[in-house]
Structure formats: C-alpha cells, structure tokens
C-alpha cells in the first residue's frame, strides 16, 4: 500500500475525499423525512441538510432572491430540529444538519438547548448551519430589524457558544443580554457542534472567521472558481489562530465535472439539492446521485 493510501485526508488528498450530502425542504407532501434519512444512509451519503422557515408572510413584500414566485415549500417546511431528531432515531451514521437555521428568528437560550439536545440524541452527528435570513417581513414578525440581522446573528451565535461551553454563562451585547445562567446538557461534541455560516455575501468570509467554524455558501449563485475563496478562508482562519474550517457547497449541481471542480478547490462537502417531491420521484434520483459518491471516496 502506498503511504498516501494509508494516510488520513490532507490538503493534498481533498480532491478524492470530498463528501456528498443532500438538502431538501422537508414537508408533509414530500418524501417522509425518516424514510429519506434511512435511504441516504443505506446508499452511502454523508449528510442530510434541512432548510427552515417558521412561516411566510402573505404580504410577500420581500422579493424572492431566486426570482419569480416563491416556491410553495417555503411556507410548508417542517421544524428542522424536530425532524432531525426523528431521523436521528432511525439512523446511525448519517450527519444531520440545518441549512440554514434562521437564528435571527429564534431565542438563543431556547435554540442552544435544542442544539444540545439534538446533538445528544444523534450521538454527536449534528452540524449547525446558521443564517441571517433574506425575507424582511418574516424577520420583522419575529421582532428582528432586518438592518441589524447580521449583528443579531453574530451575538446570538456568540451567546450560544457561551451556553454550550461555560457552566455559568453570561453574555452582554446590544441584542442579547443575560447574566449567570445554567443550562445543561452541554452538547456531546466538544466544544460544541460545528457552526457553519450559510452566506454568500461579500462579507461572508470575514463573518465566518469571526464567529463560526466553517462556511456553507450557495452553489446556486454562479460561482465557478471556489479555489481562491477556500484558500482565503483557510488562511484567515489560520491567521486568527483558529482550527482549519470546513467548507460545504450548498445546492451543488449533481454533475460530475462540477463536483470534480469543487473537490479540486478543497471543498469538504458538496450538498446536492433535492426537489420537494414524493418518494417515487426522490428514490430513483437518490440512486442516480449515489453513483457519484464513489468518485470522491
């Protein structure tokens, strides 16, 4: 056996070690999420990423970033934490993730508890993808000023880190304020599940370095050269004295050449997007996508 075959993944070997996961808007009219989780694990997929929207305002003041009418599934999504907990009980290896949890629409004390609980029920298989949200009227219904959403996201993530890692936690910010509180259980993963910033804005890398553990940009935005961005992210993490960050491309195209490009750029995980559809449509698609997994194993 050659020495590189025996070694763990390193920078030199990432092109053949990229993992493949999927994301879906899980709804009552799509494939049952527990069935989906079991099939993904059986087929060798690494992860399942679930989106979140608590509701969609009927006013539709905020234009859909994808253009055109907002897809139906945005107002039908299951709660991601309850859904992932159900899937955790039916699987053993599949990583379970939010993509993204709209932290700007959630109380940080309650969300920190949900993350810790899910991390225990999944035996440390949770990845915490977070985002600031794009729907301004949705944010306002939760009492969040859209102009301050990035500050709200940062402070709530920082506050949750304190709750996960400190016995008597406190946090004093502009939008989050509490002093000397106790909260258990702490997450099973130490110091806590990886926090992945789901954002593709110009300041995304800067924000990821400041308060996250990795980056989960969208592959739907037309970026084809990920190498320089991945290199910049990892260099800035190193300069900040932080551990090497993971990079996941959300909504990656299920195309071999595109995925080869992601792998060559040093991407750790490609997350393929599934339609919000019933099992009879999803299962054949999973079997087709599964043929890609061995190319990067």
C-alpha atoms as a PDB file:
ATOM      1  CA  UNK A   1       0.000   0.000   0.000  1.00  0.00           C
ATOM      2  CA  UNK A   2       1.312   3.447  -0.887  1.00  0.00           C
ATOM      3  CA  UNK A   3       1.853   5.819   2.007  1.00  0.00           C
ATOM      4  CA  UNK A   4      -0.766   8.286   0.733  1.00  0.00           C
ATOM      5  CA  UNK A   5      -3.382   5.491   0.718  1.00  0.00           C
ATOM      6  CA  UNK A   6      -2.776   4.816   4.407  1.00  0.00           C
ATOM      7  CA  UNK A   7      -2.801   8.483   5.432  1.00  0.00           C
ATOM      8  CA  UNK A   8      -5.876  10.459   6.520  1.00  0.00           C
ATOM      9  CA  UNK A   9      -7.233  13.203   4.275  1.00  0.00           C
ATOM     10  CA  UNK A  10      -4.782  16.072   3.950  1.00  0.00           C
ATOM     11  CA  UNK A  11      -4.723  19.178   1.785  1.00  0.00           C
ATOM     12  CA  UNK A  12      -3.105  17.092  -0.954  1.00  0.00           C
ATOM     13  CA  UNK A  13      -5.803  14.428  -0.848  1.00  0.00           C
ATOM     14  CA  UNK A  14      -9.002  16.509  -0.613  1.00  0.00           C
ATOM     15  CA  UNK A  15      -9.805  16.026  -4.282  1.00  0.00           C
ATOM     16  CA  UNK A  16     -10.629  12.403  -3.552  1.00  0.00           C
ATOM     17  CA  UNK A  17     -12.070  12.849  -0.054  1.00  0.00           C
ATOM     18  CA  UNK A  18     -14.979  15.230  -0.642  1.00  0.00           C
ATOM     19  CA  UNK A  19     -18.207  14.030   0.948  1.00  0.00           C
ATOM     20  CA  UNK A  20     -21.615  14.088  -0.729  1.00  0.00           C
ATOM     21  CA  UNK A  21     -24.769  15.100   1.119  1.00  0.00           C
ATOM     22  CA  UNK A  22     -28.228  16.291   0.126  1.00  0.00           C
ATOM     23  CA  UNK A  23     -30.611  19.040   1.141  1.00  0.00           C
ATOM     24  CA  UNK A  24     -34.371  19.215   0.876  1.00  0.00           C
ATOM     25  CA  UNK A  25     -37.292  21.353   2.002  1.00  0.00           C
ATOM     26  CA  UNK A  26     -38.948  18.654   4.101  1.00  0.00           C
ATOM     27  CA  UNK A  27     -42.748  18.937   4.004  1.00  0.00           C
ATOM     28  CA  UNK A  28     -45.792  16.726   4.557  1.00  0.00           C
ATOM     29  CA  UNK A  29     -46.285  16.319   0.801  1.00  0.00           C
ATOM     30  CA  UNK A  30     -42.658  15.305   0.118  1.00  0.00           C
ATOM     31  CA  UNK A  31     -40.879  12.040   0.903  1.00  0.00           C
ATOM     32  CA  UNK A  32     -41.180  11.084   4.562  1.00  0.00           C
ATOM     33  CA  UNK A  33     -38.028  12.503   6.215  1.00  0.00           C
ATOM     34  CA  UNK A  34     -37.326   9.357   8.264  1.00  0.00           C
ATOM     35  CA  UNK A  35     -37.573   7.213   5.135  1.00  0.00           C
ATOM     36  CA  UNK A  36     -35.283   9.678   3.371  1.00  0.00           C
ATOM     37  CA  UNK A  37     -32.705   9.532   6.152  1.00  0.00           C
ATOM     38  CA  UNK A  38     -32.616   5.729   6.150  1.00  0.00           C
ATOM     39  CA  UNK A  39     -32.267   5.563   2.371  1.00  0.00           C
ATOM     40  CA  UNK A  40     -29.473   8.132   2.381  1.00  0.00           C
ATOM     41  CA  UNK A  41     -27.544   6.151   4.981  1.00  0.00           C
ATOM     42  CA  UNK A  42     -28.052   2.886   3.093  1.00  0.00           C
ATOM     43  CA  UNK A  43     -26.804   4.474  -0.142  1.00  0.00           C
ATOM     44  CA  UNK A  44     -23.676   5.939   1.472  1.00  0.00           C
ATOM     45  CA  UNK A  45     -24.497   9.649   1.543  1.00  0.00           C
ATOM     46  CA  UNK A  46     -22.661  11.520   4.275  1.00  0.00           C
ATOM     47  CA  UNK A  47     -25.238  14.083   5.384  1.00  0.00           C
ATOM     48  CA  UNK A  48     -28.770  15.438   5.220  1.00  0.00           C
ATOM     49  CA  UNK A  49     -29.322  19.188   5.449  1.00  0.00           C
ATOM     50  CA  UNK A  50     -32.765  20.642   6.208  1.00  0.00           C
ATOM     51  CA  UNK A  51     -33.946  24.170   5.493  1.00  0.00           C
ATOM     52  CA  UNK A  52     -36.017  26.299   7.874  1.00  0.00           C
ATOM     53  CA  UNK A  53     -38.781  28.879   7.596  1.00  0.00           C
ATOM     54  CA  UNK A  54     -41.150  29.301  10.528  1.00  0.00           C
ATOM     55  CA  UNK A  55     -43.729  30.893   8.222  1.00  0.00           C
ATOM     56  CA  UNK A  56     -44.020  33.047   5.110  1.00  0.00           C
ATOM     57  CA  UNK A  57     -45.851  36.388   5.372  1.00  0.00           C
ATOM     58  CA  UNK A  58     -48.774  36.547   2.960  1.00  0.00           C
ATOM     59  CA  UNK A  59     -47.858  40.130   2.097  1.00  0.00           C
ATOM     60  CA  UNK A  60     -44.863  38.909   0.062  1.00  0.00           C
ATOM     61  CA  UNK A  61     -43.237  42.332   0.372  1.00  0.00           C
ATOM     62  CA  UNK A  62     -39.736  40.869   0.080  1.00  0.00           C
ATOM     63  CA  UNK A  63     -38.888  39.632  -3.434  1.00  0.00           C
ATOM     64  CA  UNK A  64     -37.678  36.042  -3.714  1.00  0.00           C
ATOM     65  CA  UNK A  65     -33.877  36.135  -4.316  1.00  0.00           C
ATOM     66  CA  UNK A  66     -34.247  33.354  -6.881  1.00  0.00           C
ATOM     67  CA  UNK A  67     -36.607  35.490  -8.942  1.00  0.00           C
ATOM     68  CA  UNK A  68     -40.230  34.839  -9.815  1.00  0.00           C
ATOM     69  CA  UNK A  69     -42.807  33.396  -7.436  1.00  0.00           C
ATOM     70  CA  UNK A  70     -41.740  31.953  -4.105  1.00  0.00           C
ATOM     71  CA  UNK A  71     -41.868  28.131  -4.275  1.00  0.00           C
ATOM     72  CA  UNK A  72     -44.682  26.521  -2.296  1.00  0.00           C
ATOM     73  CA  UNK A  73     -42.367  24.563   0.017  1.00  0.00           C
ATOM     74  CA  UNK A  74     -41.074  27.713   1.722  1.00  0.00           C
ATOM     75  CA  UNK A  75     -44.324  28.017   3.686  1.00  0.00           C
ATOM     76  CA  UNK A  76     -44.686  24.259   4.325  1.00  0.00           C
ATOM     77  CA  UNK A  77     -41.367  23.242   5.919  1.00  0.00           C
ATOM     78  CA  UNK A  78     -41.299  21.047   8.998  1.00  0.00           C
ATOM     79  CA  UNK A  79     -39.427  22.304  12.043  1.00  0.00           C
ATOM     80  CA  UNK A  80     -35.834  21.182  11.380  1.00  0.00           C
ATOM     81  CA  UNK A  81     -34.918  20.247  14.964  1.00  0.00           C
ATOM     82  CA  UNK A  82     -37.945  18.012  15.498  1.00  0.00           C
ATOM     83  CA  UNK A  83     -37.489  16.447  12.067  1.00  0.00           C
ATOM     84  CA  UNK A  84     -33.777  15.799  12.509  1.00  0.00           C
ATOM     85  CA  UNK A  85     -34.433  14.272  15.940  1.00  0.00           C
ATOM     86  CA  UNK A  86     -36.864  11.811  14.354  1.00  0.00           C
ATOM     87  CA  UNK A  87     -34.273  10.943  11.701  1.00  0.00           C
ATOM     88  CA  UNK A  88     -31.557  10.562  14.353  1.00  0.00           C
ATOM     89  CA  UNK A  89     -33.535   7.771  15.973  1.00  0.00           C
ATOM     90  CA  UNK A  90     -33.694   5.818  12.714  1.00  0.00           C
ATOM     91  CA  UNK A  91     -30.060   6.229  11.578  1.00  0.00           C
ATOM     92  CA  UNK A  92     -26.589   5.611  12.977  1.00  0.00           C
ATOM     93  CA  UNK A  93     -24.002   7.290  10.735  1.00  0.00           C
ATOM     94  CA  UNK A  94     -25.743   9.990   8.706  1.00  0.00           C
ATOM     95  CA  UNK A  95     -24.704  13.528   9.668  1.00  0.00           C
ATOM     96  CA  UNK A  96     -27.702  15.765  10.359  1.00  0.00           C
ATOM     97  CA  UNK A  97     -27.602  19.478   9.655  1.00  0.00           C
ATOM     98  CA  UNK A  98     -29.594  22.672   9.410  1.00  0.00           C
ATOM     99  CA  UNK A  99     -29.156  24.564   6.182  1.00  0.00           C
ATOM    100  CA  UNK A 100     -29.832  27.040   7.460  1.00  0.00           C
ATOM    101  CA  UNK A 101     -31.296  27.597  10.880  1.00  0.00           C
ATOM    102  CA  UNK A 102     -32.606  31.166  10.924  1.00  0.00           C
ATOM    103  CA  UNK A 103     -31.026  32.122  14.229  1.00  0.00           C
ATOM    104  CA  UNK A 104     -32.230  35.703  13.706  1.00  0.00           C
ATOM    105  CA  UNK A 105     -35.778  34.371  14.205  1.00  0.00           C
ATOM    106  CA  UNK A 106     -35.031  32.304  17.325  1.00  0.00           C
ATOM    107  CA  UNK A 107     -34.415  32.924  21.002  1.00  0.00           C
ATOM    108  CA  UNK A 108     -30.764  31.966  21.642  1.00  0.00           C
ATOM    109  CA  UNK A 109     -31.441  30.305  25.013  1.00  0.00           C
ATOM    110  CA  UNK A 110     -34.114  28.059  23.500  1.00  0.00           C
ATOM    111  CA  UNK A 111     -32.072  27.340  20.371  1.00  0.00           C
ATOM    112  CA  UNK A 112     -28.930  26.481  22.341  1.00  0.00           C
ATOM    113  CA  UNK A 113     -30.975  23.930  24.286  1.00  0.00           C
ATOM    114  CA  UNK A 114     -32.393  22.452  21.056  1.00  0.00           C
ATOM    115  CA  UNK A 115     -28.913  22.115  19.538  1.00  0.00           C
ATOM    116  CA  UNK A 116     -27.506  20.403  22.628  1.00  0.00           C
ATOM    117  CA  UNK A 117     -30.459  18.030  22.855  1.00  0.00           C
ATOM    118  CA  UNK A 118     -30.295  17.044  19.192  1.00  0.00           C
ATOM    119  CA  UNK A 119     -26.539  16.549  19.439  1.00  0.00           C
ATOM    120  CA  UNK A 120     -27.154  14.067  22.280  1.00  0.00           C
ATOM    121  CA  UNK A 121     -29.976  12.191  20.547  1.00  0.00           C
ATOM    122  CA  UNK A 122     -27.869  11.899  17.379  1.00  0.00           C
ATOM    123  CA  UNK A 123     -24.756  10.774  19.288  1.00  0.00           C
ATOM    124  CA  UNK A 124     -22.772  13.810  18.133  1.00  0.00           C
ATOM    125  CA  UNK A 125     -23.866  13.847  14.489  1.00  0.00           C
ATOM    126  CA  UNK A 126     -25.235  17.398  14.266  1.00  0.00           C
ATOM    127  CA  UNK A 127     -23.860  20.222  12.084  1.00  0.00           C
ATOM    128  CA  UNK A 128     -25.279  23.660  12.885  1.00  0.00           C
ATOM    129  CA  UNK A 129     -25.719  25.647   9.687  1.00  0.00           C
ATOM    130  CA  UNK A 130     -26.824  29.188  10.516  1.00  0.00           C
ATOM    131  CA  UNK A 131     -28.010  32.165   8.520  1.00  0.00           C
ATOM    132  CA  UNK A 132     -29.323  35.702   8.876  1.00  0.00           C
ATOM    133  CA  UNK A 133     -32.329  35.340   6.566  1.00  0.00           C
ATOM    134  CA  UNK A 134     -33.401  37.259   3.463  1.00  0.00           C
ATOM    135  CA  UNK A 135     -37.157  37.710   3.996  1.00  0.00           C
ATOM    136  CA  UNK A 136     -37.501  41.087   5.693  1.00  0.00           C
ATOM    137  CA  UNK A 137     -41.179  40.845   6.637  1.00  0.00           C
ATOM    138  CA  UNK A 138     -40.542  37.352   8.058  1.00  0.00           C
ATOM    139  CA  UNK A 139     -37.740  38.754  10.227  1.00  0.00           C
ATOM    140  CA  UNK A 140     -39.937  41.637  11.382  1.00  0.00           C
ATOM    141  CA  UNK A 141     -42.641  39.204  12.507  1.00  0.00           C
ATOM    142  CA  UNK A 142     -40.039  37.800  14.908  1.00  0.00           C
ATOM    143  CA  UNK A 143     -39.129  41.259  16.175  1.00  0.00           C
ATOM    144  CA  UNK A 144     -35.822  41.439  14.302  1.00  0.00           C
ATOM    145  CA  UNK A 145     -34.847  44.618  12.449  1.00  0.00           C
ATOM    146  CA  UNK A 146     -33.650  43.426   9.005  1.00  0.00           C
ATOM    147  CA  UNK A 147     -30.982  46.139   9.013  1.00  0.00           C
ATOM    148  CA  UNK A 148     -29.462  44.588  12.153  1.00  0.00           C
ATOM    149  CA  UNK A 149     -29.831  40.940  11.196  1.00  0.00           C
ATOM    150  CA  UNK A 150     -26.088  40.275  10.858  1.00  0.00           C
ATOM    151  CA  UNK A 151     -25.384  41.757  14.278  1.00  0.00           C
ATOM    152  CA  UNK A 152     -28.276  39.744  15.719  1.00  0.00           C
ATOM    153  CA  UNK A 153     -26.892  36.561  14.142  1.00  0.00           C
ATOM    154  CA  UNK A 154     -23.389  37.171  15.483  1.00  0.00           C
ATOM    155  CA  UNK A 155     -24.494  37.982  19.007  1.00  0.00           C
ATOM    156  CA  UNK A 156     -26.860  35.019  19.212  1.00  0.00           C
ATOM    157  CA  UNK A 157     -24.189  32.615  17.946  1.00  0.00           C
ATOM    158  CA  UNK A 158     -21.648  34.060  20.394  1.00  0.00           C
ATOM    159  CA  UNK A 159     -24.183  33.769  23.225  1.00  0.00           C
ATOM    160  CA  UNK A 160     -24.935  30.141  22.367  1.00  0.00           C
ATOM    161  CA  UNK A 161     -21.232  29.340  22.370  1.00  0.00           C
ATOM    162  CA  UNK A 162     -21.094  30.640  25.941  1.00  0.00           C
ATOM    163  CA  UNK A 163     -24.081  28.493  26.920  1.00  0.00           C
ATOM    164  CA  UNK A 164     -22.509  25.379  25.387  1.00  0.00           C
ATOM    165  CA  UNK A 165     -19.043  25.804  26.889  1.00  0.00           C
ATOM    166  CA  UNK A 166     -19.495  27.556  30.250  1.00  0.00           C
ATOM    167  CA  UNK A 167     -21.155  26.239  33.402  1.00  0.00           C
ATOM    168  CA  UNK A 168     -22.302  29.706  34.477  1.00  0.00           C
ATOM    169  CA  UNK A 169     -22.788  31.559  31.214  1.00  0.00           C
ATOM    170  CA  UNK A 170     -23.341  35.253  30.616  1.00  0.00           C
ATOM    171  CA  UNK A 171     -23.474  37.459  27.539  1.00  0.00           C
ATOM    172  CA  UNK A 172     -23.807  41.205  27.183  1.00  0.00           C
ATOM    173  CA  UNK A 173     -24.476  42.577  23.717  1.00  0.00           C
ATOM    174  CA  UNK A 174     -26.712  45.053  22.013  1.00  0.00           C
ATOM    175  CA  UNK A 175     -29.358  42.485  21.076  1.00  0.00           C
ATOM    176  CA  UNK A 176     -28.671  39.632  23.556  1.00  0.00           C
ATOM    177  CA  UNK A 177     -28.368  40.153  27.298  1.00  0.00           C
ATOM    178  CA  UNK A 178     -28.242  37.636  30.132  1.00  0.00           C
ATOM    179  CA  UNK A 179     -26.122  37.185  33.224  1.00  0.00           C
ATOM    180  CA  UNK A 180     -25.007  33.996  35.022  1.00  0.00           C
ATOM    181  CA  UNK A 181     -27.353  31.278  33.781  1.00  0.00           C
ATOM    182  CA  UNK A 182     -27.119  27.480  33.983  1.00  0.00           C
ATOM    183  CA  UNK A 183     -28.045  25.306  31.056  1.00  0.00           C
ATOM    184  CA  UNK A 184     -27.489  21.593  30.544  1.00  0.00           C
ATOM    185  CA  UNK A 185     -26.982  19.280  28.787  1.00  0.00           C
ATOM    186  CA  UNK A 186     -23.920  20.602  27.090  1.00  0.00           C
ATOM    187  CA  UNK A 187     -23.502  19.286  23.520  1.00  0.00           C
ATOM    188  CA  UNK A 188     -21.967  15.852  23.085  1.00  0.00           C
ATOM    189  CA  UNK A 189     -19.455  17.230  20.569  1.00  0.00           C
ATOM    190  CA  UNK A 190     -16.753  19.284  22.206  1.00  0.00           C
ATOM    191  CA  UNK A 191     -16.633  22.170  22.482  1.00  0.00           C
ATOM    192  CA  UNK A 192     -19.918  22.136  20.512  1.00  0.00           C
ATOM    193  CA  UNK A 193     -21.273  21.137  17.077  1.00  0.00           C
ATOM    194  CA  UNK A 194     -19.546  22.906  14.184  1.00  0.00           C
ATOM    195  CA  UNK A 195     -21.222  26.219  13.363  1.00  0.00           C
ATOM    196  CA  UNK A 196     -21.282  26.726   9.581  1.00  0.00           C
ATOM    197  CA  UNK A 197     -22.162  30.126   8.153  1.00  0.00           C
ATOM    198  CA  UNK A 198     -24.668  29.818   5.337  1.00  0.00           C
ATOM    199  CA  UNK A 199     -23.992  33.010   3.406  1.00  0.00           C
ATOM    200  CA  UNK A 200     -22.556  34.099   0.086  1.00  0.00           C
ATOM    201  CA  UNK A 201     -22.381  37.843   0.707  1.00  0.00           C
ATOM    202  CA  UNK A 202     -19.114  39.784   0.205  1.00  0.00           C
ATOM    203  CA  UNK A 203     -18.503  39.805   3.976  1.00  0.00           C
ATOM    204  CA  UNK A 204     -19.239  36.091   4.437  1.00  0.00           C
ATOM    205  CA  UNK A 205     -15.623  35.019   4.916  1.00  0.00           C
ATOM    206  CA  UNK A 206     -14.958  37.797   7.428  1.00  0.00           C
ATOM    207  CA  UNK A 207     -18.064  36.802   9.383  1.00  0.00           C
ATOM    208  CA  UNK A 208     -17.245  33.103   9.278  1.00  0.00           C
ATOM    209  CA  UNK A 209     -13.782  33.782  10.706  1.00  0.00           C
ATOM    210  CA  UNK A 210     -15.202  35.925  13.494  1.00  0.00           C
ATOM    211  CA  UNK A 211     -17.843  33.636  14.967  1.00  0.00           C
ATOM    212  CA  UNK A 212     -18.190  30.360  13.041  1.00  0.00           C
ATOM    213  CA  UNK A 213     -16.254  27.133  12.456  1.00  0.00           C
ATOM    214  CA  UNK A 214     -16.841  26.755   8.740  1.00  0.00           C
ATOM    215  CA  UNK A 215     -18.556  28.110   5.658  1.00  0.00           C
ATOM    216  CA  UNK A 216     -21.571  26.875   3.701  1.00  0.00           C
ATOM    217  CA  UNK A 217     -22.004  29.164   0.677  1.00  0.00           C
ATOM    218  CA  UNK A 218     -24.582  28.543  -2.013  1.00  0.00           C
ATOM    219  CA  UNK A 219     -23.549  26.797  -5.192  1.00  0.00           C
ATOM    220  CA  UNK A 220     -26.556  28.330  -6.930  1.00  0.00           C
ATOM    221  CA  UNK A 221     -25.050  31.803  -7.294  1.00  0.00           C
ATOM    222  CA  UNK A 222     -22.936  31.212 -10.374  1.00  0.00           C
ATOM    223  CA  UNK A 223     -19.519  30.978  -8.668  1.00  0.00           C
ATOM    224  CA  UNK A 224     -17.326  28.517 -10.556  1.00  0.00           C
ATOM    225  CA  UNK A 225     -13.867  29.241  -9.099  1.00  0.00           C
ATOM    226  CA  UNK A 226     -14.056  28.252  -5.455  1.00  0.00           C
ATOM    227  CA  UNK A 227     -10.322  27.656  -5.013  1.00  0.00           C
ATOM    228  CA  UNK A 228      -9.276  31.262  -4.210  1.00  0.00           C
ATOM    229  CA  UNK A 229     -12.190  31.728  -1.790  1.00  0.00           C
ATOM    230  CA  UNK A 230     -11.485  28.458   0.017  1.00  0.00           C
ATOM    231  CA  UNK A 231      -7.788  29.346   0.268  1.00  0.00           C
ATOM    232  CA  UNK A 232      -8.595  32.807   1.606  1.00  0.00           C
ATOM    233  CA  UNK A 233     -10.961  31.385   4.197  1.00  0.00           C
ATOM    234  CA  UNK A 234      -8.444  28.842   5.463  1.00  0.00           C
ATOM    235  CA  UNK A 235      -5.622  31.361   5.540  1.00  0.00           C
ATOM    236  CA  UNK A 236      -7.706  33.824   7.508  1.00  0.00           C
ATOM    237  CA  UNK A 237      -8.705  31.110   9.987  1.00  0.00           C
ATOM    238  CA  UNK A 238      -5.023  30.200  10.387  1.00  0.00           C
ATOM    239  CA  UNK A 239      -4.066  33.851  10.865  1.00  0.00           C
ATOM    240  CA  UNK A 240      -6.728  34.114  13.580  1.00  0.00           C
ATOM    241  CA  UNK A 241      -5.315  31.042  15.351  1.00  0.00           C
ATOM    242  CA  UNK A 242      -8.494  29.043  14.726  1.00  0.00           C
ATOM    243  CA  UNK A 243      -8.711  25.377  13.663  1.00  0.00           C
ATOM    244  CA  UNK A 244      -8.999  24.554   9.982  1.00  0.00           C
ATOM    245  CA  UNK A 245     -12.558  25.383   8.790  1.00  0.00           C
ATOM    246  CA  UNK A 246     -14.745  23.056   6.766  1.00  0.00           C
ATOM    247  CA  UNK A 247     -16.315  24.221   3.512  1.00  0.00           C
ATOM    248  CA  UNK A 248     -19.638  22.880   2.228  1.00  0.00           C
ATOM    249  CA  UNK A 249     -21.187  23.951  -1.074  1.00  0.00           C
ATOM    250  CA  UNK A 250     -24.945  24.155  -0.552  1.00  0.00           C
ATOM    251  CA  UNK A 251     -27.066  23.323  -3.590  1.00  0.00           C
ATOM    252  CA  UNK A 252     -24.148  21.924  -5.574  1.00  0.00           C
ATOM    253  CA  UNK A 253     -25.010  20.681  -9.048  1.00  0.00           C
ATOM    254  CA  UNK A 254     -25.200  16.888  -9.344  1.00  0.00           C
ATOM    255  CA  UNK A 255     -22.759  16.957 -12.213  1.00  0.00           C
ATOM    256  CA  UNK A 256     -19.501  15.020 -12.145  1.00  0.00           C
ATOM    257  CA  UNK A 257     -17.333  17.707 -13.722  1.00  0.00           C
ATOM    258  CA  UNK A 258     -18.740  20.414 -11.449  1.00  0.00           C
ATOM    259  CA  UNK A 259     -18.161  18.230  -8.406  1.00  0.00           C
ATOM    260  CA  UNK A 260     -14.602  17.481  -9.538  1.00  0.00           C
ATOM    261  CA  UNK A 261     -14.022  21.232  -9.618  1.00  0.00           C
ATOM    262  CA  UNK A 262     -15.335  21.601  -6.066  1.00  0.00           C
ATOM    263  CA  UNK A 263     -13.126  18.759  -4.855  1.00  0.00           C
ATOM    264  CA  UNK A 264     -10.053  20.192  -6.564  1.00  0.00           C
ATOM    265  CA  UNK A 265     -10.735  23.521  -4.852  1.00  0.00           C
ATOM    266  CA  UNK A 266     -10.508  21.800  -1.458  1.00  0.00           C
ATOM    267  CA  UNK A 267     -14.222  21.700  -0.681  1.00  0.00           C
ATOM    268  CA  UNK A 268     -15.029  19.217   2.097  1.00  0.00           C
ATOM    269  CA  UNK A 269     -18.697  18.582   1.317  1.00  0.00           C
ATOM    270  CA  UNK A 270     -20.966  19.021  -1.697  1.00  0.00           C
ATOM    271  CA  UNK A 271     -24.656  19.240  -0.781  1.00  0.00           C
ATOM    272  CA  UNK A 272     -26.932  18.263  -3.674  1.00  0.00           C
ATOM    273  CA  UNK A 273     -30.389  19.803  -3.710  1.00  0.00           C
ATOM    274  CA  UNK A 274     -33.408  17.508  -3.943  1.00  0.00           C
ATOM    275  CA  UNK A 275     -36.815  18.671  -5.166  1.00  0.00           C
ATOM    276  CA  UNK A 276     -39.662  18.810  -2.682  1.00  0.00           C
ATOM    277  CA  UNK A 277     -41.276  15.688  -4.082  1.00  0.00           C
ATOM    278  CA  UNK A 278     -42.733  12.323  -3.018  1.00  0.00           C
ATOM    279  CA  UNK A 279     -40.745   9.122  -2.599  1.00  0.00           C
ATOM    280  CA  UNK A 280     -41.498   7.775  -6.071  1.00  0.00           C
ATOM    281  CA  UNK A 281     -39.629  10.731  -7.560  1.00  0.00           C
ATOM    282  CA  UNK A 282     -36.913  11.070  -4.922  1.00  0.00           C
ATOM    283  CA  UNK A 283     -35.767   7.444  -4.599  1.00  0.00           C
ATOM    284  CA  UNK A 284     -34.661   6.993  -8.253  1.00  0.00           C
ATOM    285  CA  UNK A 285     -32.908  10.361  -8.030  1.00  0.00           C
ATOM    286  CA  UNK A 286     -31.021   9.263  -4.924  1.00  0.00           C
ATOM    287  CA  UNK A 287     -29.922   6.061  -6.621  1.00  0.00           C
ATOM    288  CA  UNK A 288     -28.657   8.084  -9.572  1.00  0.00           C
ATOM    289  CA  UNK A 289     -26.820  10.571  -7.351  1.00  0.00           C
ATOM    290  CA  UNK A 290     -25.313   7.742  -5.293  1.00  0.00           C
ATOM    291  CA  UNK A 291     -23.167   6.747  -8.257  1.00  0.00           C
ATOM    292  CA  UNK A 292     -21.222   9.978  -7.702  1.00  0.00           C
ATOM    293  CA  UNK A 293     -20.212   9.112  -4.143  1.00  0.00           C
ATOM    294  CA  UNK A 294     -17.565   6.521  -5.015  1.00  0.00           C
ATOM    295  CA  UNK A 295     -15.778   9.020  -7.286  1.00  0.00           C
ATOM    296  CA  UNK A 296     -14.731  11.002  -4.212  1.00  0.00           C
ATOM    297  CA  UNK A 297     -14.462   8.262  -1.553  1.00  0.00           C
END
